Amino acid sequence: MNVKALLAVLFIGVVLFWAVEDMPAFGDPDAPATRYTGKLYIDLAIHDVGVENIVTAILASYRGFDTLGEIVVIFTAGIAVALLLRRGGRL
């Protein structure tokens, strides 16, 4: 057994457990990440995007690049699987 690897894993585990103590509770409305973002979206979504529905404005505009990135990853994975399956028939 590799002792250095075991010590590294234990050290990282202890650091992660120590860091979790500083995280806000799940769903805490007073968490630093949610203190102003909801109000910011409600106040600026219609003005920034020009769409009357706030949910559509957030999904289409604010999350557009994120969705595009997800689509690129899924498309790339699909192409890779198709190429691997196609190649597998020839061997």
N, C-alpha and C. Protein backbone atom coordinates (compact mmCIF):
# COMPACT_ATOMS: atom_id res chain seq x y z
N MET A 1 0.85 -1.18 0.00
CA MET A 1 0.00 0.00 0.00
C MET A 1 0.90 1.25 0.00
N ASN A 2 0.49 2.23 -0.77
CA ASN A 2 1.26 3.46 -0.89
C ASN A 2 0.89 4.40 0.26
N VAL A 3 1.80 4.60 1.19
CA VAL A 3 1.54 5.40 2.38
C VAL A 3 1.38 6.87 2.04
N LYS A 4 2.15 7.36 1.08
CA LYS A 4 2.05 8.78 0.70
C LYS A 4 0.68 9.09 0.12
N ALA A 5 0.17 8.20 -0.70
CA ALA A 5 -1.15 8.42 -1.29
C ALA A 5 -2.23 8.40 -0.21
N LEU A 6 -2.13 7.48 0.72
CA LEU A 6 -3.09 7.40 1.81
C LEU A 6 -3.06 8.66 2.67
N LEU A 7 -1.87 9.15 2.98
CA LEU A 7 -1.76 10.39 3.76
C LEU A 7 -2.32 11.58 3.00
N ALA A 8 -2.09 11.64 1.70
CA ALA A 8 -2.62 12.74 0.90
C ALA A 8 -4.14 12.71 0.89
N VAL A 9 -4.73 11.52 0.73
CA VAL A 9 -6.19 11.41 0.72
C VAL A 9 -6.77 11.78 2.08
N LEU A 10 -6.16 11.32 3.13
CA LEU A 10 -6.64 11.66 4.48
C LEU A 10 -6.53 13.15 4.74
N PHE A 11 -5.42 13.76 4.33
CA PHE A 11 -5.24 15.21 4.52
C PHE A 11 -6.31 16.00 3.76
N ILE A 12 -6.53 15.63 2.51
CA ILE A 12 -7.54 16.33 1.72
C ILE A 12 -8.93 16.12 2.30
N GLY A 13 -9.21 14.91 2.79
CA GLY A 13 -10.50 14.65 3.42
C GLY A 13 -10.72 15.51 4.66
N VAL A 14 -9.69 15.64 5.48
CA VAL A 14 -9.80 16.48 6.68
C VAL A 14 -10.02 17.94 6.29
N VAL A 15 -9.30 18.41 5.30
CA VAL A 15 -9.47 19.80 4.84
C VAL A 15 -10.89 20.03 4.31
N LEU A 16 -11.42 19.08 3.55
CA LEU A 16 -12.78 19.23 3.02
C LEU A 16 -13.82 19.23 4.13
N PHE A 17 -13.69 18.32 5.11
CA PHE A 17 -14.63 18.33 6.24
C PHE A 17 -14.53 19.62 7.04
N TRP A 18 -13.34 20.15 7.17
CA TRP A 18 -13.15 21.42 7.88
C TRP A 18 -13.79 22.56 7.10
N ALA A 19 -13.69 22.53 5.76
CA ALA A 19 -14.25 23.60 4.94
C ALA A 19 -15.77 23.56 4.92
N VAL A 20 -16.36 22.38 5.06
CA VAL A 20 -17.82 22.26 5.02
C VAL A 20 -18.47 22.99 6.18
N GLU A 21 -17.78 23.11 7.29
CA GLU A 21 -18.34 23.80 8.44
C GLU A 21 -18.65 25.27 8.15
N ASP A 22 -17.93 25.88 7.21
CA ASP A 22 -18.13 27.28 6.87
C ASP A 22 -19.23 27.51 5.85
N MET A 23 -19.76 26.44 5.29
CA MET A 23 -20.81 26.59 4.27
C MET A 23 -22.14 26.95 4.93
N PRO A 24 -22.96 27.76 4.25
CA PRO A 24 -24.29 28.06 4.81
C PRO A 24 -25.18 26.83 4.71
N ALA A 25 -26.23 26.81 5.48
CA ALA A 25 -27.18 25.70 5.45
C ALA A 25 -27.85 25.64 4.08
N PHE A 26 -28.22 24.43 3.67
CA PHE A 26 -28.88 24.24 2.38
C PHE A 26 -30.21 24.98 2.35
N GLY A 27 -30.41 25.82 1.35
CA GLY A 27 -31.65 26.56 1.20
C GLY A 27 -31.75 27.79 2.09
N ASP A 28 -30.69 28.19 2.72
CA ASP A 28 -30.70 29.35 3.60
C ASP A 28 -30.91 30.62 2.79
N PRO A 29 -32.01 31.34 2.99
CA PRO A 29 -32.24 32.56 2.21
C PRO A 29 -31.28 33.70 2.56
N ASP A 30 -30.61 33.60 3.70
CA ASP A 30 -29.66 34.64 4.09
C ASP A 30 -28.22 34.29 3.73
N ALA A 31 -28.03 33.25 2.92
CA ALA A 31 -26.68 32.87 2.50
C ALA A 31 -26.10 33.99 1.63
N PRO A 32 -24.79 34.20 1.68
CA PRO A 32 -24.18 35.30 0.91
C PRO A 32 -24.47 35.23 -0.59
N ALA A 33 -24.58 34.05 -1.15
CA ALA A 33 -24.81 33.93 -2.59
C ALA A 33 -26.24 34.28 -2.99
N THR A 34 -27.17 34.29 -2.04
CA THR A 34 -28.57 34.56 -2.38
C THR A 34 -29.12 35.83 -1.77
N ARG A 35 -28.27 36.63 -1.19
CA ARG A 35 -28.78 37.84 -0.54
C ARG A 35 -29.35 38.84 -1.53
N TYR A 36 -28.74 38.99 -2.68
CA TYR A 36 -29.18 40.03 -3.60
C TYR A 36 -29.53 39.52 -4.98
N THR A 37 -29.18 38.29 -5.33
CA THR A 37 -29.37 37.84 -6.71
C THR A 37 -30.83 37.73 -7.11
N GLY A 38 -31.68 37.21 -6.24
CA GLY A 38 -33.10 37.09 -6.59
C GLY A 38 -33.72 38.44 -6.87
N LYS A 39 -33.49 39.40 -6.00
CA LYS A 39 -34.04 40.75 -6.19
C LYS A 39 -33.44 41.39 -7.45
N LEU A 40 -32.17 41.14 -7.70
CA LEU A 40 -31.51 41.68 -8.88
C LEU A 40 -32.17 41.15 -10.16
N TYR A 41 -32.44 39.85 -10.21
CA TYR A 41 -33.10 39.27 -11.37
C TYR A 41 -34.51 39.85 -11.54
N ILE A 42 -35.25 39.96 -10.46
CA ILE A 42 -36.62 40.48 -10.56
C ILE A 42 -36.62 41.93 -11.02
N ASP A 43 -35.70 42.72 -10.51
CA ASP A 43 -35.67 44.14 -10.86
C ASP A 43 -35.15 44.40 -12.27
N LEU A 44 -34.20 43.62 -12.76
CA LEU A 44 -33.54 43.95 -14.02
C LEU A 44 -33.90 43.05 -15.20
N ALA A 45 -34.56 41.93 -14.97
CA ALA A 45 -34.80 40.96 -16.05
C ALA A 45 -35.61 41.57 -17.20
N ILE A 46 -36.70 42.21 -16.89
CA ILE A 46 -37.55 42.77 -17.94
C ILE A 46 -36.82 43.91 -18.67
N HIS A 47 -36.11 44.73 -17.94
CA HIS A 47 -35.38 45.85 -18.55
C HIS A 47 -34.22 45.35 -19.42
N ASP A 48 -33.46 44.37 -18.95
CA ASP A 48 -32.29 43.86 -19.68
C ASP A 48 -32.67 43.09 -20.93
N VAL A 49 -33.69 42.24 -20.82
CA VAL A 49 -34.01 41.32 -21.90
C VAL A 49 -35.17 41.81 -22.76
N GLY A 50 -36.13 42.44 -22.14
CA GLY A 50 -37.29 42.92 -22.87
C GLY A 50 -38.39 41.89 -23.01
N VAL A 51 -38.33 40.81 -22.23
CA VAL A 51 -39.35 39.78 -22.24
C VAL A 51 -40.19 39.95 -20.99
N GLU A 52 -41.50 39.86 -21.13
CA GLU A 52 -42.39 40.10 -19.99
C GLU A 52 -42.33 39.00 -18.93
N ASN A 53 -42.02 37.77 -19.34
CA ASN A 53 -41.97 36.65 -18.40
C ASN A 53 -40.56 36.55 -17.82
N ILE A 54 -40.44 36.66 -16.51
CA ILE A 54 -39.12 36.67 -15.87
C ILE A 54 -38.43 35.32 -16.01
N VAL A 55 -39.18 34.23 -15.91
CA VAL A 55 -38.58 32.90 -16.03
C VAL A 55 -37.98 32.72 -17.43
N THR A 56 -38.71 33.11 -18.45
CA THR A 56 -38.21 33.01 -19.81
C THR A 56 -36.99 33.91 -20.00
N ALA A 57 -37.02 35.10 -19.42
CA ALA A 57 -35.88 36.01 -19.55
C ALA A 57 -34.63 35.41 -18.92
N ILE A 58 -34.77 34.79 -17.76
CA ILE A 58 -33.62 34.20 -17.09
C ILE A 58 -33.08 33.02 -17.88
N LEU A 59 -33.98 32.12 -18.30
CA LEU A 59 -33.53 30.93 -19.02
C LEU A 59 -32.97 31.25 -20.40
N ALA A 60 -33.58 32.18 -21.10
CA ALA A 60 -33.16 32.47 -22.47
C ALA A 60 -31.95 33.38 -22.53
N SER A 61 -31.85 34.32 -21.61
CA SER A 61 -30.77 35.30 -21.71
C SER A 61 -29.65 35.06 -20.71
N TYR A 62 -29.97 35.08 -19.44
CA TYR A 62 -28.93 34.96 -18.43
C TYR A 62 -28.29 33.58 -18.43
N ARG A 63 -29.07 32.53 -18.66
CA ARG A 63 -28.55 31.17 -18.66
C ARG A 63 -28.25 30.67 -20.06
N GLY A 64 -28.31 31.52 -21.06
CA GLY A 64 -28.11 31.09 -22.44
C GLY A 64 -26.74 30.51 -22.71
N PHE A 65 -25.70 31.16 -22.22
CA PHE A 65 -24.34 30.65 -22.45
C PHE A 65 -24.12 29.33 -21.71
N ASP A 66 -24.69 29.20 -20.54
CA ASP A 66 -24.57 27.96 -19.78
C ASP A 66 -25.25 26.82 -20.53
N THR A 67 -26.44 27.08 -21.05
CA THR A 67 -27.16 26.07 -21.81
C THR A 67 -26.41 25.72 -23.09
N LEU A 68 -25.85 26.71 -23.75
CA LEU A 68 -25.07 26.45 -24.96
C LEU A 68 -23.87 25.57 -24.63
N GLY A 69 -23.21 25.83 -23.52
CA GLY A 69 -22.08 25.00 -23.11
C GLY A 69 -22.48 23.56 -22.85
N GLU A 70 -23.64 23.37 -22.20
CA GLU A 70 -24.12 22.02 -21.94
C GLU A 70 -24.43 21.29 -23.25
N ILE A 71 -25.02 21.99 -24.19
CA ILE A 71 -25.35 21.38 -25.48
C ILE A 71 -24.08 20.98 -26.22
N VAL A 72 -23.06 21.81 -26.17
CA VAL A 72 -21.79 21.47 -26.83
C VAL A 72 -21.17 20.22 -26.21
N VAL A 73 -21.20 20.11 -24.89
CA VAL A 73 -20.64 18.94 -24.21
C VAL A 73 -21.41 17.68 -24.59
N ILE A 74 -22.73 17.75 -24.58
CA ILE A 74 -23.55 16.58 -24.93
C ILE A 74 -23.34 16.20 -26.39
N PHE A 75 -23.28 17.17 -27.27
CA PHE A 75 -23.05 16.89 -28.70
C PHE A 75 -21.69 16.24 -28.91
N THR A 76 -20.66 16.77 -28.24
CA THR A 76 -19.32 16.19 -28.37
C THR A 76 -19.28 14.75 -27.84
N ALA A 77 -19.93 14.50 -26.72
CA ALA A 77 -19.98 13.15 -26.18
C ALA A 77 -20.73 12.21 -27.13
N GLY A 78 -21.81 12.68 -27.72
CA GLY A 78 -22.56 11.85 -28.68
C GLY A 78 -21.74 11.51 -29.91
N ILE A 79 -21.03 12.48 -30.42
CA ILE A 79 -20.16 12.23 -31.59
C ILE A 79 -19.06 11.24 -31.23
N ALA A 80 -18.47 11.39 -30.04
CA ALA A 80 -17.41 10.48 -29.61
C ALA A 80 -17.93 9.05 -29.49
N VAL A 81 -19.11 8.89 -28.90
CA VAL A 81 -19.70 7.55 -28.78
C VAL A 81 -20.01 6.97 -30.15
N ALA A 82 -20.56 7.78 -31.04
CA ALA A 82 -20.87 7.29 -32.38
C ALA A 82 -19.60 6.86 -33.11
N LEU A 83 -18.54 7.63 -32.98
CA LEU A 83 -17.28 7.26 -33.63
C LEU A 83 -16.69 5.99 -33.03
N LEU A 84 -16.79 5.85 -31.72
CA LEU A 84 -16.28 4.64 -31.08
C LEU A 84 -17.08 3.41 -31.49
N LEU A 85 -18.40 3.54 -31.55
CA LEU A 85 -19.22 2.40 -31.97
C LEU A 85 -18.99 2.05 -33.43
N ARG A 86 -18.81 3.05 -34.25
CA ARG A 86 -18.55 2.82 -35.67
C ARG A 86 -17.21 2.11 -35.87
N ARG A 87 -16.20 2.54 -35.10
CA ARG A 87 -14.89 1.95 -35.20
C ARG A 87 -14.88 0.51 -34.67
N GLY A 88 -15.69 0.23 -33.67
CA GLY A 88 -15.73 -1.08 -33.06
C GLY A 88 -16.18 -2.17 -34.03
N GLY A 89 -16.99 -1.84 -35.02
CA GLY A 89 -17.47 -2.82 -35.97
C GLY A 89 -16.40 -3.29 -36.93
N ARG A 90 -15.38 -2.49 -37.16
CA ARG A 90 -14.33 -2.82 -38.11
C ARG A 90 -13.24 -3.71 -37.53
N LEU A 91 -13.10 -3.72 -36.23
CA LEU A 91 -12.03 -4.51 -35.62
C LEU A 91 -12.37 -5.92 -35.60
